[in-house]
Amino acid sequence: MNLFGETALFEGGIKRYIDFKLPDTELRLWQRFFNKAEADLYYHTLLKETPWQQRIRKMYDKVIPDPRLTAYYGGANGHAWTPLLLEIKQAVEQITEINFDRVLLNLYRDGKDSVAWHSDNLPADGKHHHIASVTFGDTRIFKVRHKTRKDIQQLDIPLTHGSLLLMGETMQEHYEHHIPKTAREIGPRINLTFRISESLKPVYFEGR
């Protein structure tokens, strides 16, 4: 099910908030959470200044490069937070009322870059937490399907420039997600997934 249709997919849609009310989890979208001027600034700065790398992984008997570029910030093994990333993080934390301690950046350079169906692995503390996903750049479709229930319709969610998607704590247990390749001529997309990995760090703001 494509939720916003052709206008949202190709023109960025209109500003809106939607709670998908999925069984077994929480999934919420703020479309155009950042206004165009903010999103443009973040996009161009991150595209130019991020130390992008292409990771490799073993698949069966082959070692292949990931079909996207990545950068990781926070924690002992991540890059040090930049003022710009902290600014984005603060805005996300204010609306979600959740504290995040790490962020993974993905750069989809064109329609050939993608990510296969998967659920995110458990973080360092062995417990799933909320994940906040921010998009800058061209629109890509974020597909979501339940792992076991065939009666729940698959979602095709256009993630537009400046949007924020919040996945609940149980999302990775019950659902898979996927960014497919596309034959359309599109530009780069930068995705930031804010995460929690330290069990001793307060997860929610006081008063939540």
N, C-alpha and C. Protein backbone atom coordinates (compact mmCIF):
# COMPACT_ATOMS: atom_id res chain seq x y z
N MET A 1 0.84 -1.19 0.00
CA MET A 1 0.00 0.00 0.00
C MET A 1 0.88 1.23 0.00
N ASN A 2 0.78 2.07 -1.05
CA ASN A 2 1.50 3.34 -1.11
C ASN A 2 0.63 4.39 -0.44
N LEU A 3 1.10 4.93 0.67
CA LEU A 3 0.23 5.73 1.53
C LEU A 3 -0.05 7.13 1.02
N PHE A 4 0.86 7.72 0.26
CA PHE A 4 0.68 9.11 -0.10
C PHE A 4 0.54 9.33 -1.61
N GLY A 5 0.69 8.29 -2.41
CA GLY A 5 0.43 8.40 -3.83
C GLY A 5 1.52 9.11 -4.60
N GLU A 6 1.21 9.42 -5.87
CA GLU A 6 2.19 9.96 -6.79
C GLU A 6 2.70 11.33 -6.35
N THR A 7 1.83 12.20 -5.82
CA THR A 7 2.26 13.54 -5.45
C THR A 7 3.34 13.49 -4.38
N ALA A 8 3.11 12.66 -3.36
CA ALA A 8 4.09 12.56 -2.29
C ALA A 8 5.39 11.94 -2.76
N LEU A 9 5.28 10.98 -3.65
CA LEU A 9 6.46 10.27 -4.10
C LEU A 9 7.38 11.17 -4.92
N PHE A 10 6.81 11.94 -5.83
CA PHE A 10 7.65 12.68 -6.76
C PHE A 10 7.83 14.16 -6.41
N GLU A 11 6.95 14.73 -5.58
CA GLU A 11 7.05 16.14 -5.28
C GLU A 11 7.32 16.40 -3.81
N GLY A 12 7.38 15.36 -2.98
CA GLY A 12 7.67 15.56 -1.58
C GLY A 12 6.44 15.65 -0.71
N GLY A 13 5.24 15.72 -1.32
CA GLY A 13 4.01 15.69 -0.55
C GLY A 13 3.77 16.96 0.24
N ILE A 14 2.82 16.90 1.17
CA ILE A 14 2.50 18.02 2.02
C ILE A 14 2.89 17.67 3.45
N LYS A 15 2.99 18.69 4.29
CA LYS A 15 3.37 18.46 5.67
C LYS A 15 2.24 17.71 6.39
N ARG A 16 2.57 16.60 7.04
CA ARG A 16 1.56 15.84 7.75
C ARG A 16 2.21 14.93 8.78
N TYR A 17 1.38 14.48 9.72
CA TYR A 17 1.80 13.51 10.73
C TYR A 17 0.88 12.31 10.62
N ILE A 18 1.44 11.11 10.73
CA ILE A 18 0.63 9.91 10.67
C ILE A 18 1.13 8.89 11.67
N ASP A 19 0.19 8.31 12.41
CA ASP A 19 0.46 7.17 13.28
C ASP A 19 -0.09 5.95 12.57
N PHE A 20 0.78 5.02 12.21
CA PHE A 20 0.35 3.88 11.41
C PHE A 20 -0.43 2.83 12.21
N LYS A 21 -0.36 2.93 13.54
CA LYS A 21 -1.12 2.03 14.42
C LYS A 21 -0.93 0.56 14.02
N LEU A 22 0.32 0.16 13.86
CA LEU A 22 0.62 -1.21 13.49
C LEU A 22 0.43 -2.15 14.68
N PRO A 23 -0.07 -3.36 14.44
CA PRO A 23 -0.12 -4.36 15.51
C PRO A 23 1.30 -4.70 15.99
N ASP A 24 1.45 -4.89 17.27
CA ASP A 24 2.71 -5.36 17.89
C ASP A 24 3.78 -4.31 18.02
N THR A 25 3.56 -3.09 17.51
CA THR A 25 4.62 -2.08 17.61
C THR A 25 4.09 -0.68 17.39
N GLU A 26 4.99 0.27 17.39
CA GLU A 26 4.70 1.68 17.14
C GLU A 26 5.45 2.12 15.89
N LEU A 27 4.78 2.86 15.01
CA LEU A 27 5.43 3.43 13.83
C LEU A 27 4.75 4.76 13.52
N ARG A 28 5.54 5.84 13.62
CA ARG A 28 4.98 7.18 13.43
C ARG A 28 5.85 7.97 12.45
N LEU A 29 5.21 8.82 11.66
CA LEU A 29 5.91 9.60 10.63
C LEU A 29 5.55 11.08 10.76
N TRP A 30 6.60 11.92 10.79
CA TRP A 30 6.44 13.37 10.66
C TRP A 30 7.01 13.72 9.29
N GLN A 31 6.14 13.99 8.34
CA GLN A 31 6.60 14.34 7.00
C GLN A 31 6.99 15.81 7.00
N ARG A 32 8.17 16.12 6.41
CA ARG A 32 8.74 17.47 6.44
C ARG A 32 8.88 17.96 7.88
N PHE A 33 9.43 17.13 8.73
CA PHE A 33 9.71 17.52 10.12
C PHE A 33 10.65 18.72 10.15
N PHE A 34 11.66 18.70 9.29
CA PHE A 34 12.53 19.86 9.09
C PHE A 34 12.03 20.62 7.87
N ASN A 35 11.98 21.96 7.95
CA ASN A 35 11.53 22.71 6.79
C ASN A 35 12.57 22.64 5.68
N LYS A 36 12.22 23.13 4.50
CA LYS A 36 13.09 22.94 3.34
C LYS A 36 14.45 23.61 3.51
N ALA A 37 14.48 24.79 4.08
CA ALA A 37 15.75 25.48 4.26
C ALA A 37 16.66 24.70 5.21
N GLU A 38 16.10 24.19 6.30
CA GLU A 38 16.88 23.39 7.25
C GLU A 38 17.35 22.10 6.58
N ALA A 39 16.42 21.41 5.91
CA ALA A 39 16.75 20.14 5.27
C ALA A 39 17.82 20.31 4.19
N ASP A 40 17.72 21.38 3.41
CA ASP A 40 18.72 21.64 2.37
C ASP A 40 20.10 21.85 2.99
N LEU A 41 20.17 22.64 4.06
CA LEU A 41 21.44 22.91 4.73
C LEU A 41 22.05 21.63 5.28
N TYR A 42 21.25 20.83 6.00
CA TYR A 42 21.75 19.58 6.57
C TYR A 42 22.21 18.62 5.47
N TYR A 43 21.42 18.53 4.41
CA TYR A 43 21.76 17.61 3.32
C TYR A 43 23.12 17.96 2.69
N HIS A 44 23.28 19.20 2.29
CA HIS A 44 24.51 19.58 1.59
C HIS A 44 25.73 19.51 2.51
N THR A 45 25.55 19.87 3.78
CA THR A 45 26.68 19.81 4.72
C THR A 45 27.08 18.36 4.99
N LEU A 46 26.11 17.50 5.25
CA LEU A 46 26.42 16.10 5.53
C LEU A 46 27.01 15.40 4.31
N LEU A 47 26.47 15.71 3.14
CA LEU A 47 26.97 15.09 1.91
C LEU A 47 28.44 15.42 1.70
N LYS A 48 28.81 16.66 2.00
CA LYS A 48 30.18 17.13 1.74
C LYS A 48 31.15 16.78 2.85
N GLU A 49 30.71 16.84 4.12
CA GLU A 49 31.65 16.77 5.24
C GLU A 49 31.71 15.42 5.94
N THR A 50 30.79 14.52 5.68
CA THR A 50 30.80 13.22 6.36
C THR A 50 31.91 12.33 5.80
N PRO A 51 32.67 11.64 6.65
CA PRO A 51 33.72 10.72 6.17
C PRO A 51 33.10 9.39 5.73
N TRP A 52 32.45 9.40 4.58
CA TRP A 52 31.74 8.23 4.09
C TRP A 52 32.70 7.08 3.79
N GLN A 53 32.26 5.86 4.12
CA GLN A 53 33.02 4.65 3.80
C GLN A 53 32.07 3.60 3.25
N GLN A 54 32.62 2.72 2.44
CA GLN A 54 31.84 1.59 1.93
C GLN A 54 32.28 0.32 2.65
N ARG A 55 31.40 -0.20 3.49
CA ARG A 55 31.71 -1.41 4.23
C ARG A 55 31.60 -2.63 3.33
N ILE A 56 32.29 -3.68 3.72
CA ILE A 56 32.16 -4.95 3.00
C ILE A 56 31.62 -6.00 3.96
N ARG A 57 30.96 -6.99 3.42
CA ARG A 57 30.42 -8.04 4.26
C ARG A 57 30.50 -9.37 3.52
N LYS A 58 30.52 -10.46 4.28
CA LYS A 58 30.57 -11.78 3.69
C LYS A 58 29.16 -12.29 3.47
N MET A 59 28.89 -12.74 2.26
CA MET A 59 27.60 -13.32 1.92
C MET A 59 27.85 -14.67 1.24
N TYR A 60 27.49 -15.73 1.94
CA TYR A 60 27.80 -17.08 1.49
C TYR A 60 29.33 -17.22 1.35
N ASP A 61 29.84 -17.47 0.17
CA ASP A 61 31.28 -17.65 0.02
C ASP A 61 31.95 -16.45 -0.64
N LYS A 62 31.24 -15.30 -0.67
CA LYS A 62 31.77 -14.12 -1.32
C LYS A 62 31.85 -12.96 -0.33
N VAL A 63 32.79 -12.07 -0.56
CA VAL A 63 32.88 -10.82 0.17
C VAL A 63 32.46 -9.71 -0.78
N ILE A 64 31.39 -9.00 -0.42
CA ILE A 64 30.82 -7.99 -1.33
C ILE A 64 30.71 -6.64 -0.62
N PRO A 65 30.80 -5.54 -1.38
CA PRO A 65 30.63 -4.21 -0.78
C PRO A 65 29.16 -3.91 -0.55
N ASP A 66 28.86 -3.19 0.52
CA ASP A 66 27.49 -2.73 0.75
C ASP A 66 27.07 -1.80 -0.39
N PRO A 67 25.82 -1.90 -0.83
CA PRO A 67 25.33 -1.02 -1.90
C PRO A 67 24.90 0.35 -1.37
N ARG A 68 25.75 0.99 -0.57
CA ARG A 68 25.52 2.31 0.00
C ARG A 68 26.78 2.66 0.80
N LEU A 69 26.92 3.92 1.16
CA LEU A 69 28.04 4.37 2.00
C LEU A 69 27.53 4.67 3.40
N THR A 70 28.40 4.55 4.40
CA THR A 70 27.97 4.71 5.78
C THR A 70 28.99 5.50 6.60
N ALA A 71 28.52 5.99 7.74
CA ALA A 71 29.38 6.61 8.75
C ALA A 71 28.66 6.46 10.09
N TYR A 72 29.43 6.22 11.16
CA TYR A 72 28.86 5.93 12.48
C TYR A 72 29.42 6.91 13.50
N TYR A 73 28.52 7.50 14.29
CA TYR A 73 28.91 8.50 15.28
C TYR A 73 28.43 8.09 16.67
N GLY A 74 29.27 8.34 17.69
CA GLY A 74 28.92 8.04 19.06
C GLY A 74 29.54 6.73 19.53
N GLY A 75 29.69 6.59 20.85
CA GLY A 75 30.25 5.37 21.40
C GLY A 75 31.76 5.30 21.24
N ALA A 76 32.33 4.21 21.73
CA ALA A 76 33.79 4.06 21.73
C ALA A 76 34.37 3.93 20.33
N ASN A 77 33.60 3.35 19.41
CA ASN A 77 34.13 3.08 18.06
C ASN A 77 33.62 4.04 16.99
N GLY A 78 32.76 4.96 17.37
CA GLY A 78 32.20 5.88 16.39
C GLY A 78 32.96 7.20 16.32
N HIS A 79 32.69 7.97 15.27
CA HIS A 79 33.24 9.32 15.17
C HIS A 79 32.67 10.19 16.28
N ALA A 80 33.39 11.25 16.60
CA ALA A 80 32.90 12.21 17.59
C ALA A 80 31.73 13.00 17.01
N TRP A 81 30.74 13.27 17.85
CA TRP A 81 29.58 14.04 17.41
C TRP A 81 30.01 15.41 16.90
N THR A 82 29.38 15.86 15.82
CA THR A 82 29.62 17.20 15.30
C THR A 82 28.51 18.13 15.80
N PRO A 83 28.76 19.44 15.81
CA PRO A 83 27.69 20.37 16.22
C PRO A 83 26.43 20.22 15.37
N LEU A 84 26.59 19.98 14.07
CA LEU A 84 25.42 19.84 13.20
C LEU A 84 24.61 18.59 13.56
N LEU A 85 25.28 17.46 13.78
CA LEU A 85 24.57 16.25 14.16
C LEU A 85 23.89 16.40 15.52
N LEU A 86 24.53 17.09 16.44
CA LEU A 86 23.92 17.33 17.74
C LEU A 86 22.69 18.22 17.61
N GLU A 87 22.72 19.13 16.67
CA GLU A 87 21.57 20.01 16.42
C GLU A 87 20.38 19.20 15.91
N ILE A 88 20.64 18.30 14.97
CA ILE A 88 19.57 17.43 14.45
C ILE A 88 19.07 16.51 15.55
N LYS A 89 20.00 15.94 16.30
CA LYS A 89 19.65 15.04 17.40
C LYS A 89 18.75 15.72 18.43
N GLN A 90 19.08 16.95 18.77
CA GLN A 90 18.29 17.68 19.75
C GLN A 90 16.85 17.88 19.27
N ALA A 91 16.68 18.21 17.99
CA ALA A 91 15.34 18.40 17.44
C ALA A 91 14.54 17.10 17.47
N VAL A 92 15.20 15.98 17.15
CA VAL A 92 14.54 14.68 17.17
C VAL A 92 14.16 14.29 18.59
N GLU A 93 15.06 14.52 19.53
CA GLU A 93 14.80 14.17 20.92
C GLU A 93 13.68 15.01 21.53
N GLN A 94 13.57 16.24 21.08
CA GLN A 94 12.54 17.12 21.62
C GLN A 94 11.15 16.64 21.25
N ILE A 95 10.95 16.20 19.99
CA ILE A 95 9.63 15.77 19.56
C ILE A 95 9.31 14.35 20.03
N THR A 96 10.32 13.49 20.10
CA THR A 96 10.08 12.09 20.49
C THR A 96 10.14 11.87 21.99
N GLU A 97 10.79 12.81 22.71
CA GLU A 97 11.02 12.69 24.15
C GLU A 97 11.83 11.44 24.50
N ILE A 98 12.78 11.12 23.63
CA ILE A 98 13.67 9.98 23.81
C ILE A 98 15.10 10.45 23.61
N ASN A 99 16.01 10.02 24.47
CA ASN A 99 17.44 10.33 24.33
C ASN A 99 18.13 9.25 23.50
N PHE A 100 18.90 9.66 22.52
CA PHE A 100 19.66 8.73 21.69
C PHE A 100 21.15 8.98 21.90
N ASP A 101 21.96 7.91 21.82
CA ASP A 101 23.40 8.09 22.07
C ASP A 101 24.28 7.78 20.86
N ARG A 102 23.70 7.25 19.79
CA ARG A 102 24.49 6.98 18.58
C ARG A 102 23.65 7.27 17.34
N VAL A 103 24.33 7.42 16.22
CA VAL A 103 23.62 7.61 14.96
C VAL A 103 24.41 6.96 13.84
N LEU A 104 23.70 6.23 12.99
CA LEU A 104 24.27 5.63 11.79
C LEU A 104 23.78 6.41 10.58
N LEU A 105 24.73 6.89 9.78
CA LEU A 105 24.39 7.61 8.56
C LEU A 105 24.56 6.69 7.36
N ASN A 106 23.57 6.68 6.47
CA ASN A 106 23.64 5.93 5.23
C ASN A 106 23.50 6.89 4.06
N LEU A 107 24.32 6.72 3.06
CA LEU A 107 24.22 7.51 1.83
C LEU A 107 23.84 6.59 0.67
N TYR A 108 22.64 6.79 0.16
CA TYR A 108 22.19 6.09 -1.04
C TYR A 108 22.50 7.02 -2.21
N ARG A 109 23.52 6.68 -2.97
CA ARG A 109 24.05 7.60 -3.96
C ARG A 109 23.13 7.81 -5.15
N ASP A 110 22.39 6.77 -5.52
CA ASP A 110 21.44 6.84 -6.62
C ASP A 110 20.46 5.68 -6.47
N GLY A 111 19.65 5.43 -7.49
CA GLY A 111 18.64 4.38 -7.40
C GLY A 111 19.20 2.97 -7.34
N LYS A 112 20.48 2.81 -7.63
CA LYS A 112 21.08 1.47 -7.57
C LYS A 112 21.45 1.07 -6.14
N ASP A 113 21.62 2.05 -5.26
CA ASP A 113 21.92 1.74 -3.86
C ASP A 113 20.65 1.33 -3.14
N SER A 114 20.78 0.43 -2.17
CA SER A 114 19.59 -0.14 -1.54
C SER A 114 19.99 -0.81 -0.22
N VAL A 115 18.98 -1.37 0.46
CA VAL A 115 19.22 -2.25 1.60
C VAL A 115 18.16 -3.35 1.54
N ALA A 116 18.60 -4.59 1.73
CA ALA A 116 17.71 -5.74 1.60
C ALA A 116 16.76 -5.85 2.80
N TRP A 117 15.75 -6.71 2.68
CA TRP A 117 14.85 -6.97 3.79
C TRP A 117 15.66 -7.40 5.02
N HIS A 118 15.39 -6.76 6.16
CA HIS A 118 16.11 -7.10 7.37
C HIS A 118 15.41 -6.49 8.59
N SER A 119 15.80 -6.95 9.76
CA SER A 119 15.49 -6.30 11.02
C SER A 119 16.82 -5.93 11.66
N ASP A 120 16.88 -4.79 12.32
CA ASP A 120 18.14 -4.35 12.91
C ASP A 120 18.56 -5.28 14.04
N ASN A 121 19.87 -5.49 14.16
CA ASN A 121 20.40 -6.35 15.21
C ASN A 121 20.23 -5.71 16.59
N LEU A 122 20.31 -6.55 17.61
CA LEU A 122 20.27 -6.04 18.97
C LEU A 122 21.46 -5.13 19.23
N PRO A 123 21.26 -4.01 19.93
CA PRO A 123 22.38 -3.13 20.28
C PRO A 123 23.24 -3.75 21.37
N ALA A 124 24.22 -2.98 21.83
CA ALA A 124 25.22 -3.51 22.75
C ALA A 124 24.64 -4.02 24.05
N ASP A 125 23.53 -3.43 24.50
CA ASP A 125 22.97 -3.85 25.79
C ASP A 125 22.01 -5.03 25.66
N GLY A 126 21.83 -5.55 24.43
CA GLY A 126 21.01 -6.74 24.24
C GLY A 126 19.52 -6.53 24.32
N LYS A 127 19.07 -5.28 24.15
CA LYS A 127 17.64 -4.98 24.22
C LYS A 127 17.28 -4.02 23.10
N HIS A 128 16.16 -4.29 22.42
CA HIS A 128 15.72 -3.37 21.37
C HIS A 128 15.17 -2.08 21.97
N HIS A 129 15.45 -0.97 21.30
CA HIS A 129 14.96 0.35 21.71
C HIS A 129 14.31 1.03 20.51
N HIS A 130 13.77 2.20 20.73
CA HIS A 130 13.26 3.01 19.63
C HIS A 130 14.40 3.37 18.67
N ILE A 131 14.08 3.53 17.40
CA ILE A 131 15.00 4.03 16.39
C ILE A 131 14.31 5.17 15.66
N ALA A 132 14.97 6.32 15.58
CA ALA A 132 14.43 7.48 14.86
C ALA A 132 15.19 7.65 13.55
N SER A 133 14.47 7.67 12.45
CA SER A 133 15.07 7.72 11.12
C SER A 133 14.75 9.05 10.44
N VAL A 134 15.79 9.82 10.09
CA VAL A 134 15.64 11.11 9.44
C VAL A 134 16.16 11.02 8.01
N THR A 135 15.44 11.62 7.07
CA THR A 135 15.82 11.58 5.66
C THR A 135 16.10 12.97 5.13
N PHE A 136 17.22 13.11 4.39
CA PHE A 136 17.53 14.32 3.64
C PHE A 136 17.87 13.91 2.21
N GLY A 137 17.36 14.64 1.22
CA GLY A 137 17.65 14.31 -0.17
C GLY A 137 16.45 13.75 -0.88
N ASP A 138 16.70 13.01 -1.95
CA ASP A 138 15.62 12.48 -2.77
C ASP A 138 14.79 11.42 -2.04
N THR A 139 13.53 11.32 -2.41
CA THR A 139 12.59 10.39 -1.80
C THR A 139 12.91 8.95 -2.18
N ARG A 140 12.92 8.08 -1.18
CA ARG A 140 13.00 6.64 -1.42
C ARG A 140 11.85 5.97 -0.68
N ILE A 141 11.44 4.79 -1.18
CA ILE A 141 10.34 4.06 -0.58
C ILE A 141 10.88 3.15 0.53
N PHE A 142 10.27 3.25 1.69
CA PHE A 142 10.60 2.44 2.86
C PHE A 142 9.50 1.39 3.00
N LYS A 143 9.85 0.14 2.72
CA LYS A 143 8.88 -0.94 2.76
C LYS A 143 8.90 -1.63 4.13
N VAL A 144 7.74 -1.97 4.64
CA VAL A 144 7.60 -2.59 5.96
C VAL A 144 6.67 -3.79 5.84
N ARG A 145 7.07 -4.94 6.41
CA ARG A 145 6.19 -6.10 6.43
C ARG A 145 6.35 -6.85 7.75
N HIS A 146 5.25 -7.45 8.21
CA HIS A 146 5.27 -8.26 9.42
C HIS A 146 5.98 -9.57 9.14
N LYS A 147 6.70 -10.07 10.13
CA LYS A 147 7.50 -11.29 9.92
C LYS A 147 6.64 -12.54 9.79
N THR A 148 5.51 -12.59 10.48
CA THR A 148 4.73 -13.83 10.53
C THR A 148 3.28 -13.67 10.09
N ARG A 149 2.71 -12.49 10.24
CA ARG A 149 1.29 -12.30 9.96
C ARG A 149 1.06 -11.84 8.53
N LYS A 150 0.52 -12.71 7.70
CA LYS A 150 0.25 -12.38 6.30
C LYS A 150 -1.01 -11.54 6.13
N ASP A 151 -1.82 -11.43 7.19
CA ASP A 151 -3.04 -10.63 7.10
C ASP A 151 -2.76 -9.14 7.23
N ILE A 152 -1.54 -8.77 7.63
CA ILE A 152 -1.16 -7.36 7.76
C ILE A 152 -0.54 -6.90 6.45
N GLN A 153 -1.16 -5.92 5.83
CA GLN A 153 -0.70 -5.47 4.53
C GLN A 153 0.66 -4.79 4.61
N GLN A 154 1.51 -5.08 3.63
CA GLN A 154 2.82 -4.43 3.55
C GLN A 154 2.64 -2.94 3.33
N LEU A 155 3.49 -2.13 3.95
CA LEU A 155 3.45 -0.69 3.78
C LEU A 155 4.56 -0.24 2.84
N ASP A 156 4.25 0.71 1.95
CA ASP A 156 5.24 1.39 1.12
C ASP A 156 5.20 2.86 1.51
N ILE A 157 6.18 3.31 2.27
CA ILE A 157 6.16 4.66 2.83
C ILE A 157 7.20 5.52 2.12
N PRO A 158 6.78 6.57 1.39
CA PRO A 158 7.77 7.49 0.81
C PRO A 158 8.40 8.34 1.91
N LEU A 159 9.71 8.21 2.08
CA LEU A 159 10.43 9.03 3.06
C LEU A 159 11.00 10.23 2.32
N THR A 160 10.40 11.39 2.57
CA THR A 160 10.71 12.59 1.82
C THR A 160 11.76 13.45 2.52
N HIS A 161 12.23 14.45 1.84
CA HIS A 161 13.26 15.38 2.30
C HIS A 161 12.82 16.05 3.60
N GLY A 162 13.58 15.84 4.69
CA GLY A 162 13.26 16.45 5.97
C GLY A 162 12.31 15.67 6.85
N SER A 163 11.97 14.43 6.46
CA SER A 163 11.00 13.65 7.23
C SER A 163 11.66 12.93 8.40
N LEU A 164 10.82 12.56 9.39
CA LEU A 164 11.25 11.82 10.57
C LEU A 164 10.31 10.64 10.77
N LEU A 165 10.87 9.43 10.86
CA LEU A 165 10.12 8.21 11.11
C LEU A 165 10.59 7.61 12.42
N LEU A 166 9.65 7.31 13.32
CA LEU A 166 10.00 6.73 14.61
C LEU A 166 9.50 5.29 14.68
N MET A 167 10.44 4.35 14.85
CA MET A 167 10.12 2.93 14.99
C MET A 167 10.14 2.57 16.47
N GLY A 168 9.13 1.83 16.93
CA GLY A 168 9.01 1.49 18.34
C GLY A 168 9.97 0.41 18.78
N GLU A 169 9.99 0.19 20.10
CA GLU A 169 10.92 -0.77 20.70
C GLU A 169 10.76 -2.18 20.15
N THR A 170 9.53 -2.58 19.80
CA THR A 170 9.28 -3.95 19.35
C THR A 170 9.27 -4.08 17.83
N MET A 171 9.56 -3.00 17.12
CA MET A 171 9.52 -3.02 15.65
C MET A 171 10.44 -4.09 15.07
N GLN A 172 11.67 -4.18 15.58
CA GLN A 172 12.64 -5.11 15.02
C GLN A 172 12.30 -6.57 15.34
N GLU A 173 11.55 -6.79 16.39
CA GLU A 173 11.14 -8.15 16.75
C GLU A 173 10.07 -8.68 15.82
N HIS A 174 9.16 -7.82 15.38
CA HIS A 174 7.98 -8.27 14.65
C HIS A 174 7.96 -7.91 13.17
N TYR A 175 8.80 -6.95 12.75
CA TYR A 175 8.74 -6.45 11.38
C TYR A 175 10.11 -6.44 10.71
N GLU A 176 10.09 -6.49 9.38
CA GLU A 176 11.28 -6.28 8.56
C GLU A 176 11.07 -5.02 7.72
N HIS A 177 12.17 -4.38 7.31
CA HIS A 177 12.06 -3.22 6.44
C HIS A 177 13.10 -3.30 5.32
N HIS A 178 12.92 -2.45 4.30
CA HIS A 178 13.65 -2.64 3.05
C HIS A 178 13.60 -1.34 2.25
N ILE A 179 14.76 -0.92 1.69
CA ILE A 179 14.81 0.18 0.72
C ILE A 179 15.19 -0.44 -0.62
N PRO A 180 14.24 -0.59 -1.55
CA PRO A 180 14.55 -1.28 -2.81
C PRO A 180 15.29 -0.37 -3.80
N LYS A 181 15.90 -0.99 -4.76
CA LYS A 181 16.48 -0.26 -5.88
C LYS A 181 15.35 0.35 -6.70
N THR A 182 15.68 1.35 -7.49
CA THR A 182 14.70 1.94 -8.39
C THR A 182 15.38 2.31 -9.70
N ALA A 183 14.63 2.15 -10.79
CA ALA A 183 15.16 2.50 -12.11
C ALA A 183 14.98 3.99 -12.41
N ARG A 184 14.27 4.71 -11.55
CA ARG A 184 14.08 6.14 -11.77
C ARG A 184 15.40 6.89 -11.63
N GLU A 185 15.54 7.97 -12.36
CA GLU A 185 16.70 8.83 -12.24
C GLU A 185 16.53 9.69 -11.00
N ILE A 186 17.26 9.37 -9.93
CA ILE A 186 17.13 10.14 -8.69
C ILE A 186 18.51 10.50 -8.17
N GLY A 187 18.53 11.51 -7.31
CA GLY A 187 19.77 11.95 -6.69
C GLY A 187 20.03 11.24 -5.39
N PRO A 188 21.06 11.65 -4.66
CA PRO A 188 21.41 11.00 -3.41
C PRO A 188 20.36 11.19 -2.32
N ARG A 189 20.32 10.24 -1.40
CA ARG A 189 19.51 10.32 -0.19
C ARG A 189 20.39 10.01 1.00
N ILE A 190 20.34 10.86 2.04
CA ILE A 190 21.06 10.62 3.28
C ILE A 190 20.05 10.24 4.36
N ASN A 191 20.30 9.14 5.03
CA ASN A 191 19.43 8.66 6.10
C ASN A 191 20.22 8.60 7.41
N LEU A 192 19.66 9.18 8.46
CA LEU A 192 20.27 9.14 9.79
C LEU A 192 19.37 8.31 10.69
N THR A 193 19.89 7.24 11.27
CA THR A 193 19.12 6.44 12.21
C THR A 193 19.71 6.62 13.61
N PHE A 194 18.97 7.33 14.44
CA PHE A 194 19.39 7.60 15.81
C PHE A 194 19.00 6.41 16.69
N ARG A 195 19.97 5.97 17.53
CA ARG A 195 19.82 4.71 18.25
C ARG A 195 20.21 4.85 19.71
N ILE A 196 19.83 3.83 20.48
CA ILE A 196 20.19 3.73 21.90
C ILE A 196 20.98 2.45 22.07
N SER A 197 22.15 2.54 22.71
CA SER A 197 22.95 1.34 22.86
C SER A 197 23.54 1.18 24.26
N GLU A 198 23.39 2.17 25.10
CA GLU A 198 23.97 2.11 26.44
C GLU A 198 22.85 1.90 27.47
N SER A 199 22.85 0.73 28.11
CA SER A 199 21.76 0.39 29.02
C SER A 199 21.73 1.27 30.26
N LEU A 200 22.87 1.88 30.63
CA LEU A 200 22.91 2.71 31.83
C LEU A 200 22.48 4.16 31.54
N LYS A 201 22.33 4.48 30.27
CA LYS A 201 21.93 5.84 29.90
C LYS A 201 20.42 5.97 30.01
N PRO A 202 19.90 7.07 30.61
CA PRO A 202 18.45 7.25 30.67
C PRO A 202 17.85 7.25 29.26
N VAL A 203 16.81 6.47 29.06
CA VAL A 203 16.21 6.35 27.72
C VAL A 203 15.20 7.46 27.47
N TYR A 204 14.37 7.76 28.45
CA TYR A 204 13.32 8.74 28.28
C TYR A 204 13.60 9.99 29.11
N PHE A 205 13.13 11.12 28.64
CA PHE A 205 13.20 12.32 29.44
C PHE A 205 12.34 12.17 30.69
N GLU A 206 12.69 12.88 31.76
CA GLU A 206 11.87 12.87 32.97
C GLU A 206 10.49 13.42 32.65
N GLY A 207 9.47 12.80 33.21
CA GLY A 207 8.12 13.26 33.01
C GLY A 207 7.38 12.55 31.91
N ARG A 208 8.09 11.72 31.16
CA ARG A 208 7.42 10.96 30.08
C ARG A 208 6.47 9.95 30.69
